[in-house]
Amino acid sequence: MAFGDKPQPLGDVLQELIEKMGLQHRIDGARVVEAWAFVAGPQVNAVTDNAWYRKGKLYVRIRSAAWRHELHLRRNEWLRRVNDELGRDIVQEIVFR
């Protein structure tokens, strides 16, 4: 932005900077993990070791085989809920490990 430009909303300036620096995928990844923790709630979070996002996939490591199986069976519902929380379809697949 040059000095002669009109003032811009801070959100627009930050979004432009994020795009220029190629940081959107990292921000999306952090948002996905936060959305998962919120959507999963305390009961599922209690059996979750960690979660991470890479290339459209949310990976969630679950300590219990029974919980992992139950979550896997409902993975499409979890996918919809996470993307609804994010406000757009960022996650393409959820993998429970």
PDB file of N, CA and C in Angstrom:
ATOM      1  N   MET A   1       0.841  -1.165   0.000  1.00  0.00           N
ATOM      2  CA  MET A   1       0.000   0.000   0.000  1.00  0.00           C
ATOM      3  C   MET A   1       0.895   1.240   0.000  1.00  0.00           C
ATOM      4  N   ALA A   2       0.683   2.121  -0.919  1.00  0.00           N
ATOM      5  CA  ALA A   2       1.470   3.353  -1.029  1.00  0.00           C
ATOM      6  C   ALA A   2       0.912   4.401  -0.077  1.00  0.00           C
ATOM      7  N   PHE A   3       1.726   5.437   0.226  1.00  0.00           N
ATOM      8  CA  PHE A   3       1.309   6.482   1.153  1.00  0.00           C
ATOM      9  C   PHE A   3       0.102   7.256   0.650  1.00  0.00           C
ATOM     10  N   GLY A   4      -0.055   7.416  -0.669  1.00  0.00           N
ATOM     11  CA  GLY A   4      -1.154   8.181  -1.236  1.00  0.00           C
ATOM     12  C   GLY A   4      -2.475   7.440  -1.243  1.00  0.00           C
ATOM     13  N   ASP A   5      -2.475   6.160  -0.907  1.00  0.00           N
ATOM     14  CA  ASP A   5      -3.719   5.381  -0.909  1.00  0.00           C
ATOM     15  C   ASP A   5      -4.638   5.840   0.209  1.00  0.00           C
ATOM     16  N   LYS A   6      -5.918   5.587   0.006  1.00  0.00           N
ATOM     17  CA  LYS A   6      -6.899   5.890   1.039  1.00  0.00           C
ATOM     18  C   LYS A   6      -6.721   4.918   2.198  1.00  0.00           C
ATOM     19  N   PRO A   7      -7.121   5.305   3.395  1.00  0.00           N
ATOM     20  CA  PRO A   7      -7.069   4.372   4.518  1.00  0.00           C
ATOM     21  C   PRO A   7      -7.926   3.139   4.231  1.00  0.00           C
ATOM     22  N   GLN A   8      -7.428   2.001   4.647  1.00  0.00           N
ATOM     23  CA  GLN A   8      -8.113   0.726   4.436  1.00  0.00           C
ATOM     24  C   GLN A   8      -8.485   0.125   5.792  1.00  0.00           C
ATOM     25  N   PRO A   9      -9.558  -0.633   5.845  1.00  0.00           N
ATOM     26  CA  PRO A   9      -9.885  -1.341   7.087  1.00  0.00           C
ATOM     27  C   PRO A   9      -8.739  -2.287   7.466  1.00  0.00           C
ATOM     28  N   LEU A  10      -8.446  -2.345   8.740  1.00  0.00           N
ATOM     29  CA  LEU A  10      -7.333  -3.163   9.225  1.00  0.00           C
ATOM     30  C   LEU A  10      -7.485  -4.628   8.818  1.00  0.00           C
ATOM     31  N   GLY A  11      -8.700  -5.150   8.876  1.00  0.00           N
ATOM     32  CA  GLY A  11      -8.928  -6.548   8.486  1.00  0.00           C
ATOM     33  C   GLY A  11      -8.537  -6.812   7.041  1.00  0.00           C
ATOM     34  N   ASP A  12      -8.833  -5.855   6.150  1.00  0.00           N
ATOM     35  CA  ASP A  12      -8.464  -6.003   4.739  1.00  0.00           C
ATOM     36  C   ASP A  12      -6.951  -5.986   4.563  1.00  0.00           C
ATOM     37  N   VAL A  13      -6.289  -5.096   5.298  1.00  0.00           N
ATOM     38  CA  VAL A  13      -4.830  -4.989   5.210  1.00  0.00           C
ATOM     39  C   VAL A  13      -4.183  -6.278   5.716  1.00  0.00           C
ATOM     40  N   LEU A  14      -4.674  -6.797   6.845  1.00  0.00           N
ATOM     41  CA  LEU A  14      -4.119  -8.033   7.403  1.00  0.00           C
ATOM     42  C   LEU A  14      -4.358  -9.225   6.473  1.00  0.00           C
ATOM     43  N   GLN A  15      -5.557  -9.299   5.889  1.00  0.00           N
ATOM     44  CA  GLN A  15      -5.836 -10.410   4.966  1.00  0.00           C
ATOM     45  C   GLN A  15      -4.919 -10.355   3.756  1.00  0.00           C
ATOM     46  N   GLU A  16      -4.680  -9.169   3.238  1.00  0.00           N
ATOM     47  CA  GLU A  16      -3.771  -9.010   2.100  1.00  0.00           C
ATOM     48  C   GLU A  16      -2.352  -9.437   2.479  1.00  0.00           C
ATOM     49  N   LEU A  17      -1.915  -9.063   3.667  1.00  0.00           N
ATOM     50  CA  LEU A  17      -0.583  -9.439   4.148  1.00  0.00           C
ATOM     51  C   LEU A  17      -0.473 -10.954   4.325  1.00  0.00           C
ATOM     52  N   ILE A  18      -1.503 -11.558   4.890  1.00  0.00           N
ATOM     53  CA  ILE A  18      -1.517 -13.013   5.082  1.00  0.00           C
ATOM     54  C   ILE A  18      -1.403 -13.722   3.738  1.00  0.00           C
ATOM     55  N   GLU A  19      -2.142 -13.258   2.754  1.00  0.00           N
ATOM     56  CA  GLU A  19      -2.101 -13.866   1.428  1.00  0.00           C
ATOM     57  C   GLU A  19      -0.737 -13.682   0.772  1.00  0.00           C
ATOM     58  N   LYS A  20      -0.173 -12.490   0.876  1.00  0.00           N
ATOM     59  CA  LYS A  20       1.137 -12.230   0.268  1.00  0.00           C
ATOM     60  C   LYS A  20       2.234 -13.074   0.900  1.00  0.00           C
ATOM     61  N   MET A  21       2.119 -13.311   2.196  1.00  0.00           N
ATOM     62  CA  MET A  21       3.145 -14.092   2.901  1.00  0.00           C
ATOM     63  C   MET A  21       2.884 -15.597   2.812  1.00  0.00           C
ATOM     64  N   GLY A  22       1.767 -15.992   2.229  1.00  0.00           N
ATOM     65  CA  GLY A  22       1.446 -17.414   2.095  1.00  0.00           C
ATOM     66  C   GLY A  22       1.165 -18.106   3.413  1.00  0.00           C
ATOM     67  N   LEU A  23       0.526 -17.408   4.334  1.00  0.00           N
ATOM     68  CA  LEU A  23       0.297 -17.953   5.668  1.00  0.00           C
ATOM     69  C   LEU A  23      -1.112 -18.496   5.891  1.00  0.00           C
ATOM     70  N   GLN A  24      -1.973 -18.385   4.891  1.00  0.00           N
ATOM     71  CA  GLN A  24      -3.367 -18.777   5.091  1.00  0.00           C
ATOM     72  C   GLN A  24      -3.503 -20.245   5.490  1.00  0.00           C
ATOM     73  N   HIS A  25      -2.693 -21.126   4.910  1.00  0.00           N
ATOM     74  CA  HIS A  25      -2.804 -22.553   5.252  1.00  0.00           C
ATOM     75  C   HIS A  25      -2.452 -22.818   6.716  1.00  0.00           C
ATOM     76  N   ARG A  26      -1.508 -22.063   7.269  1.00  0.00           N
ATOM     77  CA  ARG A  26      -1.149 -22.244   8.686  1.00  0.00           C
ATOM     78  C   ARG A  26      -2.256 -21.733   9.599  1.00  0.00           C
ATOM     79  N   ILE A  27      -2.828 -20.622   9.221  1.00  0.00           N
ATOM     80  CA  ILE A  27      -3.928 -20.070  10.003  1.00  0.00           C
ATOM     81  C   ILE A  27      -5.125 -21.016   9.937  1.00  0.00           C
ATOM     82  N   ASP A  28      -5.417 -21.518   8.744  1.00  0.00           N
ATOM     83  CA  ASP A  28      -6.507 -22.487   8.592  1.00  0.00           C
ATOM     84  C   ASP A  28      -6.261 -23.711   9.462  1.00  0.00           C
ATOM     85  N   GLY A  29      -5.031 -24.203   9.486  1.00  0.00           N
ATOM     86  CA  GLY A  29      -4.697 -25.375  10.293  1.00  0.00           C
ATOM     87  C   GLY A  29      -4.962 -25.152  11.768  1.00  0.00           C
ATOM     88  N   ALA A  30      -4.570 -23.995  12.266  1.00  0.00           N
ATOM     89  CA  ALA A  30      -4.810 -23.673  13.673  1.00  0.00           C
ATOM     90  C   ALA A  30      -6.303 -23.557  13.952  1.00  0.00           C
ATOM     91  N   ARG A  31      -7.032 -22.950  13.042  1.00  0.00           N
ATOM     92  CA  ARG A  31      -8.479 -22.805  13.208  1.00  0.00           C
ATOM     93  C   ARG A  31      -9.172 -24.161  13.195  1.00  0.00           C
ATOM     94  N   VAL A  32      -8.711 -25.064  12.345  1.00  0.00           N
ATOM     95  CA  VAL A  32      -9.314 -26.399  12.259  1.00  0.00           C
ATOM     96  C   VAL A  32      -9.138 -27.137  13.582  1.00  0.00           C
ATOM     97  N   VAL A  33      -7.942 -27.113  14.133  1.00  0.00           N
ATOM     98  CA  VAL A  33      -7.684 -27.814  15.396  1.00  0.00           C
ATOM     99  C   VAL A  33      -8.517 -27.204  16.525  1.00  0.00           C
ATOM    100  N   GLU A  34      -8.620 -25.887  16.561  1.00  0.00           N
ATOM    101  CA  GLU A  34      -9.457 -25.229  17.570  1.00  0.00           C
ATOM    102  C   GLU A  34     -10.923 -25.598  17.387  1.00  0.00           C
ATOM    103  N   ALA A  35     -11.391 -25.625  16.140  1.00  0.00           N
ATOM    104  CA  ALA A  35     -12.783 -25.975  15.869  1.00  0.00           C
ATOM    105  C   ALA A  35     -13.065 -27.412  16.306  1.00  0.00           C
ATOM    106  N   TRP A  36     -12.126 -28.319  16.042  1.00  0.00           N
ATOM    107  CA  TRP A  36     -12.300 -29.705  16.462  1.00  0.00           C
ATOM    108  C   TRP A  36     -12.459 -29.778  17.976  1.00  0.00           C
ATOM    109  N   ALA A  37     -11.586 -29.123  18.714  1.00  0.00           N
ATOM    110  CA  ALA A  37     -11.640 -29.161  20.178  1.00  0.00           C
ATOM    111  C   ALA A  37     -12.988 -28.626  20.678  1.00  0.00           C
ATOM    112  N   PHE A  38     -13.473 -27.572  20.066  1.00  0.00           N
ATOM    113  CA  PHE A  38     -14.754 -26.994  20.474  1.00  0.00           C
ATOM    114  C   PHE A  38     -15.904 -27.945  20.157  1.00  0.00           C
ATOM    115  N   VAL A  39     -15.940 -28.465  18.933  1.00  0.00           N
ATOM    116  CA  VAL A  39     -17.031 -29.340  18.487  1.00  0.00           C
ATOM    117  C   VAL A  39     -17.012 -30.666  19.247  1.00  0.00           C
ATOM    118  N   ALA A  40     -15.830 -31.209  19.481  1.00  0.00           N
ATOM    119  CA  ALA A  40     -15.715 -32.515  20.142  1.00  0.00           C
ATOM    120  C   ALA A  40     -16.209 -32.462  21.577  1.00  0.00           C
ATOM    121  N   GLY A  41     -15.972 -31.370  22.252  1.00  0.00           N
ATOM    122  CA  GLY A  41     -16.421 -31.236  23.633  1.00  0.00           C
ATOM    123  C   GLY A  41     -15.527 -31.966  24.614  1.00  0.00           C
ATOM    124  N   PRO A  42     -15.801 -31.806  25.895  1.00  0.00           N
ATOM    125  CA  PRO A  42     -14.911 -32.347  26.935  1.00  0.00           C
ATOM    126  C   PRO A  42     -14.816 -33.867  26.963  1.00  0.00           C
ATOM    127  N   GLN A  43     -15.895 -34.564  26.649  1.00  0.00           N
ATOM    128  CA  GLN A  43     -15.872 -36.033  26.729  1.00  0.00           C
ATOM    129  C   GLN A  43     -14.931 -36.618  25.677  1.00  0.00           C
ATOM    130  N   VAL A  44     -15.003 -36.143  24.436  1.00  0.00           N
ATOM    131  CA  VAL A  44     -14.122 -36.646  23.379  1.00  0.00           C
ATOM    132  C   VAL A  44     -12.702 -36.103  23.572  1.00  0.00           C
ATOM    133  N   ASN A  45     -12.591 -34.862  23.991  1.00  0.00           N
ATOM    134  CA  ASN A  45     -11.263 -34.297  24.239  1.00  0.00           C
ATOM    135  C   ASN A  45     -10.508 -35.063  25.322  1.00  0.00           C
ATOM    136  N   ALA A  46     -11.240 -35.660  26.242  1.00  0.00           N
ATOM    137  CA  ALA A  46     -10.603 -36.427  27.326  1.00  0.00           C
ATOM    138  C   ALA A  46      -9.902 -37.678  26.802  1.00  0.00           C
ATOM    139  N   VAL A  47     -10.330 -38.203  25.644  1.00  0.00           N
ATOM    140  CA  VAL A  47      -9.700 -39.402  25.084  1.00  0.00           C
ATOM    141  C   VAL A  47      -8.862 -39.079  23.844  1.00  0.00           C
ATOM    142  N   THR A  48      -8.672 -37.796  23.573  1.00  0.00           N
ATOM    143  CA  THR A  48      -7.888 -37.361  22.417  1.00  0.00           C
ATOM    144  C   THR A  48      -6.467 -37.034  22.856  1.00  0.00           C
ATOM    145  N   ASP A  49      -5.475 -37.652  22.195  1.00  0.00           N
ATOM    146  CA  ASP A  49      -4.076 -37.314  22.470  1.00  0.00           C
ATOM    147  C   ASP A  49      -3.688 -36.011  21.796  1.00  0.00           C
ATOM    148  N   ASN A  50      -3.926 -35.914  20.502  1.00  0.00           N
ATOM    149  CA  ASN A  50      -3.649 -34.674  19.777  1.00  0.00           C
ATOM    150  C   ASN A  50      -4.398 -34.673  18.454  1.00  0.00           C
ATOM    151  N   ALA A  51      -4.398 -33.496  17.834  1.00  0.00           N
ATOM    152  CA  ALA A  51      -5.040 -33.330  16.539  1.00  0.00           C
ATOM    153  C   ALA A  51      -4.175 -32.401  15.712  1.00  0.00           C
ATOM    154  N   TRP A  52      -4.143 -32.645  14.398  1.00  0.00           N
ATOM    155  CA  TRP A  52      -3.399 -31.776  13.498  1.00  0.00           C
ATOM    156  C   TRP A  52      -4.065 -31.791  12.137  1.00  0.00           C
ATOM    157  N   TYR A  53      -3.754 -30.778  11.348  1.00  0.00           N
ATOM    158  CA  TYR A  53      -4.372 -30.594  10.039  1.00  0.00           C
ATOM    159  C   TYR A  53      -3.278 -30.530   8.987  1.00  0.00           C
ATOM    160  N   ARG A  54      -3.501 -31.283   7.891  1.00  0.00           N
ATOM    161  CA  ARG A  54      -2.528 -31.263   6.798  1.00  0.00           C
ATOM    162  C   ARG A  54      -3.249 -31.572   5.490  1.00  0.00           C
ATOM    163  N   LYS A  55      -3.099 -30.689   4.525  1.00  0.00           N
ATOM    164  CA  LYS A  55      -3.596 -30.892   3.152  1.00  0.00           C
ATOM    165  C   LYS A  55      -5.050 -31.343   3.091  1.00  0.00           C
ATOM    166  N   GLY A  56      -5.921 -30.627   3.782  1.00  0.00           N
ATOM    167  CA  GLY A  56      -7.349 -30.910   3.723  1.00  0.00           C
ATOM    168  C   GLY A  56      -7.833 -31.997   4.663  1.00  0.00           C
ATOM    169  N   LYS A  57      -6.920 -32.614   5.406  1.00  0.00           N
ATOM    170  CA  LYS A  57      -7.305 -33.690   6.313  1.00  0.00           C
ATOM    171  C   LYS A  57      -7.042 -33.291   7.755  1.00  0.00           C
ATOM    172  N   LEU A  58      -8.014 -33.574   8.612  1.00  0.00           N
ATOM    173  CA  LEU A  58      -7.866 -33.408  10.047  1.00  0.00           C
ATOM    174  C   LEU A  58      -7.549 -34.780  10.625  1.00  0.00           C
ATOM    175  N   TYR A  59      -6.415 -34.899  11.266  1.00  0.00           N
ATOM    176  CA  TYR A  59      -5.996 -36.141  11.913  1.00  0.00           C
ATOM    177  C   TYR A  59      -6.215 -36.001  13.413  1.00  0.00           C
ATOM    178  N   VAL A  60      -6.873 -36.994  14.006  1.00  0.00           N
ATOM    179  CA  VAL A  60      -7.144 -36.967  15.441  1.00  0.00           C
ATOM    180  C   VAL A  60      -6.679 -38.286  16.034  1.00  0.00           C
ATOM    181  N   ARG A  61      -5.726 -38.211  16.963  1.00  0.00           N
ATOM    182  CA  ARG A  61      -5.211 -39.421  17.616  1.00  0.00           C
ATOM    183  C   ARG A  61      -6.042 -39.672  18.883  1.00  0.00           C
ATOM    184  N   ILE A  62      -6.682 -40.835  18.912  1.00  0.00           N
ATOM    185  CA  ILE A  62      -7.577 -41.223  20.003  1.00  0.00           C
ATOM    186  C   ILE A  62      -6.932 -42.354  20.799  1.00  0.00           C
ATOM    187  N   ARG A  63      -6.962 -42.247  22.132  1.00  0.00           N
ATOM    188  CA  ARG A  63      -6.318 -43.243  22.997  1.00  0.00           C
ATOM    189  C   ARG A  63      -7.083 -44.566  23.075  1.00  0.00           C
ATOM    190  N   SER A  64      -8.380 -44.539  22.884  1.00  0.00           N
ATOM    191  CA  SER A  64      -9.208 -45.724  23.079  1.00  0.00           C
ATOM    192  C   SER A  64      -9.687 -46.277  21.736  1.00  0.00           C
ATOM    193  N   ALA A  65      -9.485 -47.573  21.527  1.00  0.00           N
ATOM    194  CA  ALA A  65      -9.934 -48.213  20.289  1.00  0.00           C
ATOM    195  C   ALA A  65     -11.454 -48.136  20.159  1.00  0.00           C
ATOM    196  N   ALA A  66     -12.163 -48.291  21.252  1.00  0.00           N
ATOM    197  CA  ALA A  66     -13.626 -48.226  21.209  1.00  0.00           C
ATOM    198  C   ALA A  66     -14.093 -46.826  20.799  1.00  0.00           C
ATOM    199  N   TRP A  67     -13.486 -45.804  21.394  1.00  0.00           N
ATOM    200  CA  TRP A  67     -13.833 -44.429  21.017  1.00  0.00           C
ATOM    201  C   TRP A  67     -13.453 -44.153  19.560  1.00  0.00           C
ATOM    202  N   ARG A  68     -12.301 -44.611  19.167  1.00  0.00           N
ATOM    203  CA  ARG A  68     -11.844 -44.404  17.782  1.00  0.00           C
ATOM    204  C   ARG A  68     -12.850 -45.003  16.804  1.00  0.00           C
ATOM    205  N   HIS A  69     -13.319 -46.204  17.088  1.00  0.00           N
ATOM    206  CA  HIS A  69     -14.292 -46.865  16.228  1.00  0.00           C
ATOM    207  C   HIS A  69     -15.604 -46.064  16.179  1.00  0.00           C
ATOM    208  N   GLU A  70     -16.094 -45.650  17.330  1.00  0.00           N
ATOM    209  CA  GLU A  70     -17.338 -44.872  17.402  1.00  0.00           C
ATOM    210  C   GLU A  70     -17.213 -43.552  16.622  1.00  0.00           C
ATOM    211  N   LEU A  71     -16.111 -42.861  16.798  1.00  0.00           N
ATOM    212  CA  LEU A  71     -15.905 -41.593  16.084  1.00  0.00           C
ATOM    213  C   LEU A  71     -15.790 -41.831  14.585  1.00  0.00           C
ATOM    214  N   HIS A  72     -15.106 -42.890  14.216  1.00  0.00           N
ATOM    215  CA  HIS A  72     -14.944 -43.213  12.795  1.00  0.00           C
ATOM    216  C   HIS A  72     -16.300 -43.468  12.128  1.00  0.00           C
ATOM    217  N   LEU A  73     -17.184 -44.175  12.812  1.00  0.00           N
ATOM    218  CA  LEU A  73     -18.497 -44.468  12.255  1.00  0.00           C
ATOM    219  C   LEU A  73     -19.295 -43.193  11.992  1.00  0.00           C
ATOM    220  N   ARG A  74     -19.048 -42.158  12.782  1.00  0.00           N
ATOM    221  CA  ARG A  74     -19.784 -40.895  12.648  1.00  0.00           C
ATOM    222  C   ARG A  74     -18.921 -39.789  12.041  1.00  0.00           C
ATOM    223  N   ARG A  75     -17.875 -40.167  11.301  1.00  0.00           N
ATOM    224  CA  ARG A  75     -16.917 -39.180  10.797  1.00  0.00           C
ATOM    225  C   ARG A  75     -17.545 -38.146   9.868  1.00  0.00           C
ATOM    226  N   ASN A  76     -18.560 -38.520   9.090  1.00  0.00           N
ATOM    227  CA  ASN A  76     -19.207 -37.549   8.205  1.00  0.00           C
ATOM    228  C   ASN A  76     -19.951 -36.486   8.998  1.00  0.00           C
ATOM    229  N   GLU A  77     -20.567 -36.905  10.092  1.00  0.00           N
ATOM    230  CA  GLU A  77     -21.236 -35.936  10.975  1.00  0.00           C
ATOM    231  C   GLU A  77     -20.209 -34.989  11.605  1.00  0.00           C
ATOM    232  N   TRP A  78     -19.089 -35.561  12.071  1.00  0.00           N
ATOM    233  CA  TRP A  78     -18.033 -34.723  12.660  1.00  0.00           C
ATOM    234  C   TRP A  78     -17.474 -33.750  11.617  1.00  0.00           C
ATOM    235  N   LEU A  79     -17.303 -34.224  10.401  1.00  0.00           N
ATOM    236  CA  LEU A  79     -16.794 -33.379   9.321  1.00  0.00           C
ATOM    237  C   LEU A  79     -17.727 -32.193   9.080  1.00  0.00           C
ATOM    238  N   ARG A  80     -19.009 -32.467   8.997  1.00  0.00           N
ATOM    239  CA  ARG A  80     -19.986 -31.397   8.795  1.00  0.00           C
ATOM    240  C   ARG A  80     -19.960 -30.400   9.951  1.00  0.00           C
ATOM    241  N   ARG A  81     -19.899 -30.909  11.176  1.00  0.00           N
ATOM    242  CA  ARG A  81     -19.916 -30.034  12.352  1.00  0.00           C
ATOM    243  C   ARG A  81     -18.674 -29.147  12.415  1.00  0.00           C
ATOM    244  N   VAL A  82     -17.510 -29.711  12.095  1.00  0.00           N
ATOM    245  CA  VAL A  82     -16.269 -28.912  12.112  1.00  0.00           C
ATOM    246  C   VAL A  82     -16.334 -27.824  11.046  1.00  0.00           C
ATOM    247  N   ASN A  83     -16.722 -28.195   9.834  1.00  0.00           N
ATOM    248  CA  ASN A  83     -16.799 -27.204   8.757  1.00  0.00           C
ATOM    249  C   ASN A  83     -17.872 -26.151   9.036  1.00  0.00           C
ATOM    250  N   ASP A  84     -18.982 -26.551   9.652  1.00  0.00           N
ATOM    251  CA  ASP A  84     -20.000 -25.573  10.051  1.00  0.00           C
ATOM    252  C   ASP A  84     -19.423 -24.580  11.049  1.00  0.00           C
ATOM    253  N   GLU A  85     -18.646 -25.082  11.995  1.00  0.00           N
ATOM    254  CA  GLU A  85     -18.013 -24.214  12.996  1.00  0.00           C
ATOM    255  C   GLU A  85     -17.040 -23.238  12.336  1.00  0.00           C
ATOM    256  N   LEU A  86     -16.338 -23.701  11.302  1.00  0.00           N
ATOM    257  CA  LEU A  86     -15.370 -22.859  10.594  1.00  0.00           C
ATOM    258  C   LEU A  86     -16.044 -21.864   9.655  1.00  0.00           C
ATOM    259  N   GLY A  87     -17.262 -22.154   9.260  1.00  0.00           N
ATOM    260  CA  GLY A  87     -17.971 -21.265   8.354  1.00  0.00           C
ATOM    261  C   GLY A  87     -17.662 -21.490   6.888  1.00  0.00           C
ATOM    262  N   ARG A  88     -16.867 -22.485   6.585  1.00  0.00           N
ATOM    263  CA  ARG A  88     -16.563 -22.859   5.208  1.00  0.00           C
ATOM    264  C   ARG A  88     -15.951 -24.258   5.208  1.00  0.00           C
ATOM    265  N   ASP A  89     -15.934 -24.882   4.040  1.00  0.00           N
ATOM    266  CA  ASP A  89     -15.437 -26.257   3.932  1.00  0.00           C
ATOM    267  C   ASP A  89     -13.917 -26.274   3.769  1.00  0.00           C
ATOM    268  N   ILE A  90     -13.239 -26.268   4.899  1.00  0.00           N
ATOM    269  CA  ILE A  90     -11.776 -26.333   4.904  1.00  0.00           C
ATOM    270  C   ILE A  90     -11.336 -27.795   4.973  1.00  0.00           C
ATOM    271  N   VAL A  91     -11.994 -28.577   5.828  1.00  0.00           N
ATOM    272  CA  VAL A  91     -11.627 -29.974   6.050  1.00  0.00           C
ATOM    273  C   VAL A  91     -12.356 -30.839   5.042  1.00  0.00           C
ATOM    274  N   GLN A  92     -11.608 -31.663   4.341  1.00  0.00           N
ATOM    275  CA  GLN A  92     -12.183 -32.586   3.357  1.00  0.00           C
ATOM    276  C   GLN A  92     -12.404 -33.984   3.940  1.00  0.00           C
ATOM    277  N   GLU A  93     -11.612 -34.328   4.958  1.00  0.00           N
ATOM    278  CA  GLU A  93     -11.692 -35.676   5.542  1.00  0.00           C
ATOM    279  C   GLU A  93     -11.174 -35.626   6.966  1.00  0.00           C
ATOM    280  N   ILE A  94     -11.749 -36.471   7.826  1.00  0.00           N
ATOM    281  CA  ILE A  94     -11.240 -36.631   9.185  1.00  0.00           C
ATOM    282  C   ILE A  94     -10.732 -38.054   9.319  1.00  0.00           C
ATOM    283  N   VAL A  95      -9.514 -38.182   9.818  1.00  0.00           N
ATOM    284  CA  VAL A  95      -8.876 -39.484  10.012  1.00  0.00           C
ATOM    285  C   VAL A  95      -8.647 -39.666  11.502  1.00  0.00           C
ATOM    286  N   PHE A  96      -9.271 -40.701  12.063  1.00  0.00           N
ATOM    287  CA  PHE A  96      -9.083 -41.031  13.478  1.00  0.00           C
ATOM    288  C   PHE A  96      -8.038 -42.116  13.580  1.00  0.00           C
ATOM    289  N   ARG A  97      -7.031 -41.893  14.394  1.00  0.00           N
ATOM    290  CA  ARG A  97      -5.929 -42.843  14.565  1.00  0.00           C
ATOM    291  C   ARG A  97      -5.835 -43.283  16.004  1.00  0.00           C
TER     292      ARG A  97
END
